[in-house]
Amino acid sequence: MYYYAINVLKHGQGSSYNRLNAKSNILPFKIKQNNTFIDEGDVSELSFLIKVDDKFVLDCVNISESVSDIIENRT
């Protein structure tokens, strides 16, 4: 799902966003749906479709490290 989230951050709404939106209830991160706010009442919220917080970034780092370890062990 993070693959699609990164695509949404790069390209905006499209097929990746639609895939995430269909599974929004089971995602480990928050997405903006139907032009609503992710955190209602947060006046500092940016207009991104994905909530990029510390957990999201750390999850991406962990995925990258895991993939790197797998690649390193195959060579």
C-alpha atoms as a PDB file:
ATOM      1  CA  MET A   1       0.000   0.000   0.000  1.00  0.00           C
ATOM      2  CA  TYR A   2       2.918   2.357   0.584  1.00  0.00           C
ATOM      3  CA  TYR A   3       3.808   2.037  -3.100  1.00  0.00           C
ATOM      4  CA  TYR A   4       0.428   3.500  -3.991  1.00  0.00           C
ATOM      5  CA  ALA A   5       0.753   6.163  -1.286  1.00  0.00           C
ATOM      6  CA  ILE A   6       4.072   7.338  -2.731  1.00  0.00           C
ATOM      7  CA  ASN A   7       2.489   7.476  -6.197  1.00  0.00           C
ATOM      8  CA  VAL A   8      -0.341   9.598  -4.802  1.00  0.00           C
ATOM      9  CA  LEU A   9       2.164  11.959  -3.191  1.00  0.00           C
ATOM     10  CA  LYS A  10       3.991  12.287  -6.520  1.00  0.00           C
ATOM     11  CA  HIS A  11       1.056  12.425  -8.939  1.00  0.00           C
ATOM     12  CA  GLY A  12      -2.105  13.250  -6.985  1.00  0.00           C
ATOM     13  CA  GLN A  13      -5.468  11.634  -7.610  1.00  0.00           C
ATOM     14  CA  GLY A  14      -5.566   8.751 -10.049  1.00  0.00           C
ATOM     15  CA  SER A  15      -5.603   4.970 -10.043  1.00  0.00           C
ATOM     16  CA  SER A  16      -3.275   4.676  -7.018  1.00  0.00           C
ATOM     17  CA  TYR A  17      -5.481   6.997  -4.994  1.00  0.00           C
ATOM     18  CA  ASN A  18      -8.565   5.038  -6.041  1.00  0.00           C
ATOM     19  CA  ARG A  19      -6.966   1.772  -4.872  1.00  0.00           C
ATOM     20  CA  LEU A  20      -6.114   3.300  -1.506  1.00  0.00           C
ATOM     21  CA  ASN A  21      -9.514   4.894  -1.155  1.00  0.00           C
ATOM     22  CA  ALA A  22     -11.188   1.505  -1.683  1.00  0.00           C
ATOM     23  CA  LYS A  23      -9.195   0.096   1.252  1.00  0.00           C
ATOM     24  CA  SER A  24      -9.143   3.204   3.439  1.00  0.00           C
ATOM     25  CA  ASN A  25     -10.552   1.362   6.462  1.00  0.00           C
ATOM     26  CA  ILE A  26      -7.541  -1.004   6.680  1.00  0.00           C
ATOM     27  CA  LEU A  27      -4.667   1.329   5.767  1.00  0.00           C
ATOM     28  CA  PRO A  28      -1.877   1.927   8.315  1.00  0.00           C
ATOM     29  CA  PHE A  29      -1.991   5.643   7.406  1.00  0.00           C
ATOM     30  CA  LYS A  30      -4.686   8.235   6.771  1.00  0.00           C
ATOM     31  CA  ILE A  31      -5.835   9.490   3.399  1.00  0.00           C
ATOM     32  CA  LYS A  32      -8.044  12.422   2.544  1.00  0.00           C
ATOM     33  CA  GLN A  33     -11.414  11.366   1.179  1.00  0.00           C
ATOM     34  CA  ASN A  34     -13.847  13.445  -0.856  1.00  0.00           C
ATOM     35  CA  ASN A  35     -12.080  16.757  -0.196  1.00  0.00           C
ATOM     36  CA  THR A  36     -12.482  16.437   3.571  1.00  0.00           C
ATOM     37  CA  PHE A  37      -9.890  17.112   6.220  1.00  0.00           C
ATOM     38  CA  ILE A  38      -7.730  14.304   7.579  1.00  0.00           C
ATOM     39  CA  ASP A  39      -7.595  15.921  11.027  1.00  0.00           C
ATOM     40  CA  GLU A  40     -10.731  18.020  11.402  1.00  0.00           C
ATOM     41  CA  GLY A  41      -9.971  21.310  13.127  1.00  0.00           C
ATOM     42  CA  ASP A  42      -6.227  21.292  12.386  1.00  0.00           C
ATOM     43  CA  VAL A  43      -5.740  24.666  10.705  1.00  0.00           C
ATOM     44  CA  SER A  44      -2.149  23.768   9.793  1.00  0.00           C
ATOM     45  CA  GLU A  45      -3.203  20.775   7.696  1.00  0.00           C
ATOM     46  CA  LEU A  46      -1.720  20.898   4.221  1.00  0.00           C
ATOM     47  CA  SER A  47      -3.648  19.952   1.109  1.00  0.00           C
ATOM     48  CA  PHE A  48      -1.984  16.555   0.604  1.00  0.00           C
ATOM     49  CA  LEU A  49      -4.064  13.457  -0.029  1.00  0.00           C
ATOM     50  CA  ILE A  50      -1.883  11.335   2.280  1.00  0.00           C
ATOM     51  CA  LYS A  51      -1.075  12.234   5.881  1.00  0.00           C
ATOM     52  CA  VAL A  52       2.715  12.212   5.981  1.00  0.00           C
ATOM     53  CA  ASP A  53       3.610  12.110   9.647  1.00  0.00           C
ATOM     54  CA  ASP A  54       6.583  10.631  11.515  1.00  0.00           C
ATOM     55  CA  LYS A  55       5.044   7.142  11.499  1.00  0.00           C
ATOM     56  CA  PHE A  56       4.464   7.229   7.733  1.00  0.00           C
ATOM     57  CA  VAL A  57       8.068   8.301   7.072  1.00  0.00           C
ATOM     58  CA  LEU A  58       9.501   5.708   9.475  1.00  0.00           C
ATOM     59  CA  ASP A  59       7.378   2.974   7.904  1.00  0.00           C
ATOM     60  CA  CYS A  60       8.763   3.947   4.481  1.00  0.00           C
ATOM     61  CA  VAL A  61      12.316   3.877   5.859  1.00  0.00           C
ATOM     62  CA  ASN A  62      11.741   0.418   7.366  1.00  0.00           C
ATOM     63  CA  ILE A  63      10.399  -0.893   4.066  1.00  0.00           C
ATOM     64  CA  SER A  64      13.410   0.542   2.221  1.00  0.00           C
ATOM     65  CA  GLU A  65      15.817  -1.031   4.711  1.00  0.00           C
ATOM     66  CA  SER A  66      14.085  -4.413   4.430  1.00  0.00           C
ATOM     67  CA  VAL A  67      14.259  -4.347   0.640  1.00  0.00           C
ATOM     68  CA  SER A  68      17.901  -3.268   0.789  1.00  0.00           C
ATOM     69  CA  ASP A  69      18.728  -6.169   3.121  1.00  0.00           C
ATOM     70  CA  ILE A  70      17.034  -8.649   0.808  1.00  0.00           C
ATOM     71  CA  ILE A  71      18.920  -7.313  -2.212  1.00  0.00           C
ATOM     72  CA  GLU A  72      22.205  -7.308  -0.328  1.00  0.00           C
ATOM     73  CA  ASN A  73      21.758 -10.908   0.782  1.00  0.00           C
ATOM     74  CA  ARG A  74      21.070 -12.079  -2.779  1.00  0.00           C
ATOM     75  CA  THR A  75      24.347 -10.753  -4.172  1.00  0.00           C
END
